[in-house]
Amino acid sequence: MDTPVSQTVKPKQGMAIAGLVCGIIAFLILPPVFGVLGIVFGAISWKDGNKLGMAATIVSIVGLIVGMIVGAAMAM
């Protein structure tokens, strides 16, 4: 008889890292595009139980807001 082997699976961090990268890029380049992408990637990762996903979501929200403010200030 085979006995079941318990395995601990670490959540994949690819989506969280993509969210962080998009959030950081949103500070300088195209905040509406990269900020929203970062929020989506971070939220998906966070929903899957990855704590880095929460950080990615927060960084992306801040990047979106700050990027929009900086863009508006430079347009004046």
PDB file of N, CA and C in Angstrom:
ATOM      1  N   MET A   1       0.830  -1.183   0.000  1.00  0.00           N
ATOM      2  CA  MET A   1       0.000   0.000   0.000  1.00  0.00           C
ATOM      3  C   MET A   1       0.874   1.246   0.000  1.00  0.00           C
ATOM      4  N   ASP A   2       0.449   2.181  -0.793  1.00  0.00           N
ATOM      5  CA  ASP A   2       1.156   3.456  -0.812  1.00  0.00           C
ATOM      6  C   ASP A   2       0.578   4.379   0.242  1.00  0.00           C
ATOM      7  N   THR A   3       1.440   5.013   0.961  1.00  0.00           N
ATOM      8  CA  THR A   3       0.977   5.992   1.940  1.00  0.00           C
ATOM      9  C   THR A   3       1.050   7.373   1.310  1.00  0.00           C
ATOM     10  N   PRO A   4       0.049   8.202   1.545  1.00  0.00           N
ATOM     11  CA  PRO A   4       0.076   9.542   0.958  1.00  0.00           C
ATOM     12  C   PRO A   4       1.210  10.373   1.555  1.00  0.00           C
ATOM     13  N   VAL A   5       1.865  11.092   0.715  1.00  0.00           N
ATOM     14  CA  VAL A   5       2.974  11.949   1.130  1.00  0.00           C
ATOM     15  C   VAL A   5       2.469  13.378   1.151  1.00  0.00           C
ATOM     16  N   SER A   6       2.609  14.030   2.290  1.00  0.00           N
ATOM     17  CA  SER A   6       2.170  15.422   2.346  1.00  0.00           C
ATOM     18  C   SER A   6       3.289  16.306   1.800  1.00  0.00           C
ATOM     19  N   GLN A   7       2.890  17.186   0.937  1.00  0.00           N
ATOM     20  CA  GLN A   7       3.850  18.103   0.336  1.00  0.00           C
ATOM     21  C   GLN A   7       3.400  19.523   0.627  1.00  0.00           C
ATOM     22  N   THR A   8       4.356  20.346   0.960  1.00  0.00           N
ATOM     23  CA  THR A   8       4.044  21.757   1.118  1.00  0.00           C
ATOM     24  C   THR A   8       4.439  22.455  -0.170  1.00  0.00           C
ATOM     25  N   VAL A   9       3.500  23.116  -0.759  1.00  0.00           N
ATOM     26  CA  VAL A   9       3.725  23.787  -2.025  1.00  0.00           C
ATOM     27  C   VAL A   9       3.801  25.279  -1.760  1.00  0.00           C
ATOM     28  N   LYS A  10       4.926  25.869  -2.106  1.00  0.00           N
ATOM     29  CA  LYS A  10       5.094  27.301  -1.944  1.00  0.00           C
ATOM     30  C   LYS A  10       4.380  28.002  -3.099  1.00  0.00           C
ATOM     31  N   PRO A  11       3.577  29.006  -2.789  1.00  0.00           N
ATOM     32  CA  PRO A  11       2.875  29.697  -3.865  1.00  0.00           C
ATOM     33  C   PRO A  11       3.858  30.294  -4.870  1.00  0.00           C
ATOM     34  N   LYS A  12       3.492  30.240  -6.111  1.00  0.00           N
ATOM     35  CA  LYS A  12       4.358  30.796  -7.145  1.00  0.00           C
ATOM     36  C   LYS A  12       4.412  32.307  -6.993  1.00  0.00           C
ATOM     37  N   GLN A  13       5.595  32.836  -7.163  1.00  0.00           N
ATOM     38  CA  GLN A  13       5.775  34.271  -6.954  1.00  0.00           C
ATOM     39  C   GLN A  13       5.885  35.053  -8.257  1.00  0.00           C
ATOM     40  N   GLY A  14       5.693  34.404  -9.381  1.00  0.00           N
ATOM     41  CA  GLY A  14       5.828  35.092 -10.671  1.00  0.00           C
ATOM     42  C   GLY A  14       4.859  36.245 -10.826  1.00  0.00           C
ATOM     43  N   MET A  15       3.612  36.023 -10.461  1.00  0.00           N
ATOM     44  CA  MET A  15       2.616  37.094 -10.591  1.00  0.00           C
ATOM     45  C   MET A  15       2.929  38.237  -9.631  1.00  0.00           C
ATOM     46  N   ALA A  16       3.399  37.918  -8.433  1.00  0.00           N
ATOM     47  CA  ALA A  16       3.720  38.960  -7.460  1.00  0.00           C
ATOM     48  C   ALA A  16       4.914  39.791  -7.936  1.00  0.00           C
ATOM     49  N   ILE A  17       5.905  39.136  -8.487  1.00  0.00           N
ATOM     50  CA  ILE A  17       7.077  39.862  -8.989  1.00  0.00           C
ATOM     51  C   ILE A  17       6.683  40.727 -10.181  1.00  0.00           C
ATOM     52  N   ALA A  18       5.841  40.198 -11.067  1.00  0.00           N
ATOM     53  CA  ALA A  18       5.358  40.994 -12.202  1.00  0.00           C
ATOM     54  C   ALA A  18       4.582  42.211 -11.702  1.00  0.00           C
ATOM     55  N   GLY A  19       3.784  42.024 -10.652  1.00  0.00           N
ATOM     56  CA  GLY A  19       3.043  43.135 -10.072  1.00  0.00           C
ATOM     57  C   GLY A  19       3.953  44.188  -9.471  1.00  0.00           C
ATOM     58  N   LEU A  20       4.999  43.740  -8.780  1.00  0.00           N
ATOM     59  CA  LEU A  20       5.961  44.693  -8.215  1.00  0.00           C
ATOM     60  C   LEU A  20       6.675  45.480  -9.300  1.00  0.00           C
ATOM     61  N   VAL A  21       7.100  44.792 -10.342  1.00  0.00           N
ATOM     62  CA  VAL A  21       7.800  45.464 -11.442  1.00  0.00           C
ATOM     63  C   VAL A  21       6.885  46.484 -12.106  1.00  0.00           C
ATOM     64  N   CYS A  22       5.640  46.092 -12.382  1.00  0.00           N
ATOM     65  CA  CYS A  22       4.697  47.024 -12.990  1.00  0.00           C
ATOM     66  C   CYS A  22       4.421  48.212 -12.067  1.00  0.00           C
ATOM     67  N   GLY A  23       4.306  47.956 -10.771  1.00  0.00           N
ATOM     68  CA  GLY A  23       4.071  49.039  -9.822  1.00  0.00           C
ATOM     69  C   GLY A  23       5.220  50.023  -9.758  1.00  0.00           C
ATOM     70  N   ILE A  24       6.437  49.529  -9.829  1.00  0.00           N
ATOM     71  CA  ILE A  24       7.608  50.408  -9.807  1.00  0.00           C
ATOM     72  C   ILE A  24       7.700  51.213 -11.104  1.00  0.00           C
ATOM     73  N   ILE A  25       7.425  50.559 -12.217  1.00  0.00           N
ATOM     74  CA  ILE A  25       7.461  51.263 -13.508  1.00  0.00           C
ATOM     75  C   ILE A  25       6.371  52.335 -13.555  1.00  0.00           C
ATOM     76  N   ALA A  26       5.249  52.095 -12.880  1.00  0.00           N
ATOM     77  CA  ALA A  26       4.128  53.040 -12.893  1.00  0.00           C
ATOM     78  C   ALA A  26       4.498  54.387 -12.281  1.00  0.00           C
ATOM     79  N   PHE A  27       5.528  54.434 -11.451  1.00  0.00           N
ATOM     80  CA  PHE A  27       5.958  55.713 -10.887  1.00  0.00           C
ATOM     81  C   PHE A  27       6.444  56.669 -11.970  1.00  0.00           C
ATOM     82  N   LEU A  28       7.002  56.120 -13.068  1.00  0.00           N
ATOM     83  CA  LEU A  28       7.640  56.964 -14.071  1.00  0.00           C
ATOM     84  C   LEU A  28       7.010  56.906 -15.462  1.00  0.00           C
ATOM     85  N   ILE A  29       6.528  55.739 -15.857  1.00  0.00           N
ATOM     86  CA  ILE A  29       6.084  55.562 -17.244  1.00  0.00           C
ATOM     87  C   ILE A  29       4.657  55.026 -17.268  1.00  0.00           C
ATOM     88  N   LEU A  30       3.778  55.697 -17.967  1.00  0.00           N
ATOM     89  CA  LEU A  30       2.400  55.252 -18.186  1.00  0.00           C
ATOM     90  C   LEU A  30       1.718  54.680 -16.934  1.00  0.00           C
ATOM     91  N   PRO A  31       1.511  55.505 -15.923  1.00  0.00           N
ATOM     92  CA  PRO A  31       0.907  55.014 -14.677  1.00  0.00           C
ATOM     93  C   PRO A  31      -0.447  54.323 -14.857  1.00  0.00           C
ATOM     94  N   PRO A  32      -1.336  54.811 -15.743  1.00  0.00           N
ATOM     95  CA  PRO A  32      -2.627  54.109 -15.857  1.00  0.00           C
ATOM     96  C   PRO A  32      -2.484  52.673 -16.355  1.00  0.00           C
ATOM     97  N   VAL A  33      -1.532  52.426 -17.225  1.00  0.00           N
ATOM     98  CA  VAL A  33      -1.359  51.088 -17.782  1.00  0.00           C
ATOM     99  C   VAL A  33      -0.628  50.185 -16.791  1.00  0.00           C
ATOM    100  N   PHE A  34       0.562  50.598 -16.386  1.00  0.00           N
ATOM    101  CA  PHE A  34       1.378  49.750 -15.517  1.00  0.00           C
ATOM    102  C   PHE A  34       0.823  49.654 -14.098  1.00  0.00           C
ATOM    103  N   GLY A  35       0.199  50.716 -13.611  1.00  0.00           N
ATOM    104  CA  GLY A  35      -0.396  50.680 -12.287  1.00  0.00           C
ATOM    105  C   GLY A  35      -1.541  49.679 -12.205  1.00  0.00           C
ATOM    106  N   VAL A  36      -2.408  49.712 -13.209  1.00  0.00           N
ATOM    107  CA  VAL A  36      -3.549  48.789 -13.220  1.00  0.00           C
ATOM    108  C   VAL A  36      -3.066  47.351 -13.416  1.00  0.00           C
ATOM    109  N   LEU A  37      -2.106  47.145 -14.308  1.00  0.00           N
ATOM    110  CA  LEU A  37      -1.550  45.793 -14.495  1.00  0.00           C
ATOM    111  C   LEU A  37      -0.937  45.279 -13.196  1.00  0.00           C
ATOM    112  N   GLY A  38      -0.195  46.142 -12.506  1.00  0.00           N
ATOM    113  CA  GLY A  38       0.413  45.744 -11.237  1.00  0.00           C
ATOM    114  C   GLY A  38      -0.615  45.390 -10.181  1.00  0.00           C
ATOM    115  N   ILE A  39      -1.704  46.156 -10.138  1.00  0.00           N
ATOM    116  CA  ILE A  39      -2.772  45.871  -9.178  1.00  0.00           C
ATOM    117  C   ILE A  39      -3.408  44.519  -9.485  1.00  0.00           C
ATOM    118  N   VAL A  40      -3.654  44.256 -10.765  1.00  0.00           N
ATOM    119  CA  VAL A  40      -4.278  42.986 -11.150  1.00  0.00           C
ATOM    120  C   VAL A  40      -3.351  41.812 -10.827  1.00  0.00           C
ATOM    121  N   PHE A  41      -2.080  41.919 -11.233  1.00  0.00           N
ATOM    122  CA  PHE A  41      -1.132  40.831 -10.959  1.00  0.00           C
ATOM    123  C   PHE A  41      -0.969  40.612  -9.450  1.00  0.00           C
ATOM    124  N   GLY A  42      -0.840  41.697  -8.706  1.00  0.00           N
ATOM    125  CA  GLY A  42      -0.674  41.582  -7.263  1.00  0.00           C
ATOM    126  C   GLY A  42      -1.896  40.987  -6.590  1.00  0.00           C
ATOM    127  N   ALA A  43      -3.076  41.402  -7.037  1.00  0.00           N
ATOM    128  CA  ALA A  43      -4.311  40.891  -6.435  1.00  0.00           C
ATOM    129  C   ALA A  43      -4.491  39.397  -6.710  1.00  0.00           C
ATOM    130  N   ILE A  44      -4.157  38.974  -7.920  1.00  0.00           N
ATOM    131  CA  ILE A  44      -4.253  37.546  -8.242  1.00  0.00           C
ATOM    132  C   ILE A  44      -3.300  36.746  -7.364  1.00  0.00           C
ATOM    133  N   SER A  45      -2.084  37.242  -7.228  1.00  0.00           N
ATOM    134  CA  SER A  45      -1.099  36.547  -6.401  1.00  0.00           C
ATOM    135  C   SER A  45      -1.507  36.550  -4.930  1.00  0.00           C
ATOM    136  N   TRP A  46      -2.016  37.673  -4.478  1.00  0.00           N
ATOM    137  CA  TRP A  46      -2.457  37.803  -3.085  1.00  0.00           C
ATOM    138  C   TRP A  46      -3.612  36.845  -2.807  1.00  0.00           C
ATOM    139  N   LYS A  47      -4.530  36.741  -3.766  1.00  0.00           N
ATOM    140  CA  LYS A  47      -5.671  35.836  -3.627  1.00  0.00           C
ATOM    141  C   LYS A  47      -5.222  34.377  -3.527  1.00  0.00           C
ATOM    142  N   ASP A  48      -4.119  34.052  -4.203  1.00  0.00           N
ATOM    143  CA  ASP A  48      -3.582  32.691  -4.156  1.00  0.00           C
ATOM    144  C   ASP A  48      -2.806  32.409  -2.877  1.00  0.00           C
ATOM    145  N   GLY A  49      -2.729  33.389  -1.977  1.00  0.00           N
ATOM    146  CA  GLY A  49      -2.085  33.177  -0.690  1.00  0.00           C
ATOM    147  C   GLY A  49      -0.641  33.620  -0.606  1.00  0.00           C
ATOM    148  N   ASN A  50      -0.182  34.371  -1.578  1.00  0.00           N
ATOM    149  CA  ASN A  50       1.193  34.835  -1.590  1.00  0.00           C
ATOM    150  C   ASN A  50       1.270  36.202  -0.902  1.00  0.00           C
ATOM    151  N   LYS A  51       2.056  36.302   0.156  1.00  0.00           N
ATOM    152  CA  LYS A  51       2.171  37.565   0.889  1.00  0.00           C
ATOM    153  C   LYS A  51       2.854  38.650   0.060  1.00  0.00           C
ATOM    154  N   LEU A  52       3.714  38.264  -0.853  1.00  0.00           N
ATOM    155  CA  LEU A  52       4.357  39.244  -1.726  1.00  0.00           C
ATOM    156  C   LEU A  52       3.326  39.894  -2.650  1.00  0.00           C
ATOM    157  N   GLY A  53       2.230  39.209  -2.906  1.00  0.00           N
ATOM    158  CA  GLY A  53       1.150  39.778  -3.707  1.00  0.00           C
ATOM    159  C   GLY A  53       0.532  40.994  -3.053  1.00  0.00           C
ATOM    160  N   MET A  54       0.433  40.982  -1.725  1.00  0.00           N
ATOM    161  CA  MET A  54      -0.094  42.133  -1.005  1.00  0.00           C
ATOM    162  C   MET A  54       0.831  43.331  -1.196  1.00  0.00           C
ATOM    163  N   ALA A  55       2.126  43.122  -1.081  1.00  0.00           N
ATOM    164  CA  ALA A  55       3.088  44.205  -1.274  1.00  0.00           C
ATOM    165  C   ALA A  55       3.023  44.736  -2.701  1.00  0.00           C
ATOM    166  N   ALA A  56       2.890  43.830  -3.671  1.00  0.00           N
ATOM    167  CA  ALA A  56       2.812  44.236  -5.068  1.00  0.00           C
ATOM    168  C   ALA A  56       1.569  45.085  -5.314  1.00  0.00           C
ATOM    169  N   THR A  57       0.454  44.709  -4.704  1.00  0.00           N
ATOM    170  CA  THR A  57      -0.779  45.473  -4.864  1.00  0.00           C
ATOM    171  C   THR A  57      -0.637  46.868  -4.270  1.00  0.00           C
ATOM    172  N   ILE A  58      -0.061  46.963  -3.096  1.00  0.00           N
ATOM    173  CA  ILE A  58       0.111  48.264  -2.442  1.00  0.00           C
ATOM    174  C   ILE A  58       1.072  49.144  -3.229  1.00  0.00           C
ATOM    175  N   VAL A  59       2.199  48.582  -3.666  1.00  0.00           N
ATOM    176  CA  VAL A  59       3.168  49.355  -4.452  1.00  0.00           C
ATOM    177  C   VAL A  59       2.531  49.840  -5.747  1.00  0.00           C
ATOM    178  N   SER A  60       1.730  49.010  -6.369  1.00  0.00           N
ATOM    179  CA  SER A  60       1.091  49.397  -7.626  1.00  0.00           C
ATOM    180  C   SER A  60       0.061  50.500  -7.430  1.00  0.00           C
ATOM    181  N   ILE A  61      -0.687  50.436  -6.337  1.00  0.00           N
ATOM    182  CA  ILE A  61      -1.664  51.500  -6.050  1.00  0.00           C
ATOM    183  C   ILE A  61      -0.940  52.824  -5.818  1.00  0.00           C
ATOM    184  N   VAL A  62       0.114  52.779  -5.013  1.00  0.00           N
ATOM    185  CA  VAL A  62       0.886  53.997  -4.747  1.00  0.00           C
ATOM    186  C   VAL A  62       1.546  54.499  -6.037  1.00  0.00           C
ATOM    187  N   GLY A  63       2.090  53.586  -6.831  1.00  0.00           N
ATOM    188  CA  GLY A  63       2.709  53.967  -8.103  1.00  0.00           C
ATOM    189  C   GLY A  63       1.716  54.607  -9.046  1.00  0.00           C
ATOM    190  N   LEU A  64       0.516  54.088  -9.081  1.00  0.00           N
ATOM    191  CA  LEU A  64      -0.528  54.657  -9.932  1.00  0.00           C
ATOM    192  C   LEU A  64      -0.871  56.073  -9.494  1.00  0.00           C
ATOM    193  N   ILE A  65      -1.092  56.250  -8.198  1.00  0.00           N
ATOM    194  CA  ILE A  65      -1.484  57.567  -7.688  1.00  0.00           C
ATOM    195  C   ILE A  65      -0.356  58.584  -7.843  1.00  0.00           C
ATOM    196  N   VAL A  66       0.839  58.225  -7.386  1.00  0.00           N
ATOM    197  CA  VAL A  66       1.974  59.156  -7.462  1.00  0.00           C
ATOM    198  C   VAL A  66       2.337  59.442  -8.923  1.00  0.00           C
ATOM    199  N   GLY A  67       2.310  58.426  -9.759  1.00  0.00           N
ATOM    200  CA  GLY A  67       2.615  58.620 -11.178  1.00  0.00           C
ATOM    201  C   GLY A  67       1.634  59.566 -11.848  1.00  0.00           C
ATOM    202  N   MET A  68       0.364  59.448 -11.501  1.00  0.00           N
ATOM    203  CA  MET A  68      -0.642  60.349 -12.069  1.00  0.00           C
ATOM    204  C   MET A  68      -0.431  61.781 -11.584  1.00  0.00           C
ATOM    205  N   ILE A  69      -0.088  61.946 -10.314  1.00  0.00           N
ATOM    206  CA  ILE A  69       0.148  63.288  -9.772  1.00  0.00           C
ATOM    207  C   ILE A  69       1.376  63.919 -10.434  1.00  0.00           C
ATOM    208  N   VAL A  70       2.455  63.142 -10.550  1.00  0.00           N
ATOM    209  CA  VAL A  70       3.671  63.657 -11.185  1.00  0.00           C
ATOM    210  C   VAL A  70       3.404  64.003 -12.647  1.00  0.00           C
ATOM    211  N   GLY A  71       2.671  63.146 -13.348  1.00  0.00           N
ATOM    212  CA  GLY A  71       2.338  63.412 -14.744  1.00  0.00           C
ATOM    213  C   GLY A  71       1.496  64.669 -14.900  1.00  0.00           C
ATOM    214  N   ALA A  72       0.546  64.875 -13.999  1.00  0.00           N
ATOM    215  CA  ALA A  72      -0.287  66.068 -14.058  1.00  0.00           C
ATOM    216  C   ALA A  72       0.522  67.322 -13.742  1.00  0.00           C
ATOM    217  N   ALA A  73       1.447  67.210 -12.796  1.00  0.00           N
ATOM    218  CA  ALA A  73       2.281  68.370 -12.434  1.00  0.00           C
ATOM    219  C   ALA A  73       3.220  68.743 -13.579  1.00  0.00           C
ATOM    220  N   MET A  74       3.727  67.738 -14.294  1.00  0.00           N
ATOM    221  CA  MET A  74       4.630  68.021 -15.407  1.00  0.00           C
ATOM    222  C   MET A  74       3.884  68.579 -16.609  1.00  0.00           C
ATOM    223  N   ALA A  75       2.610  68.300 -16.717  1.00  0.00           N
ATOM    224  CA  ALA A  75       1.823  68.778 -17.842  1.00  0.00           C
ATOM    225  C   ALA A  75       1.455  70.257 -17.691  1.00  0.00           C
ATOM    226  N   MET A  76       1.536  70.753 -16.462  1.00  0.00           N
ATOM    227  CA  MET A  76       1.163  72.158 -16.232  1.00  0.00           C
ATOM    228  C   MET A  76       2.221  73.095 -16.711  1.00  0.00           C
TER     229      MET A  76
END
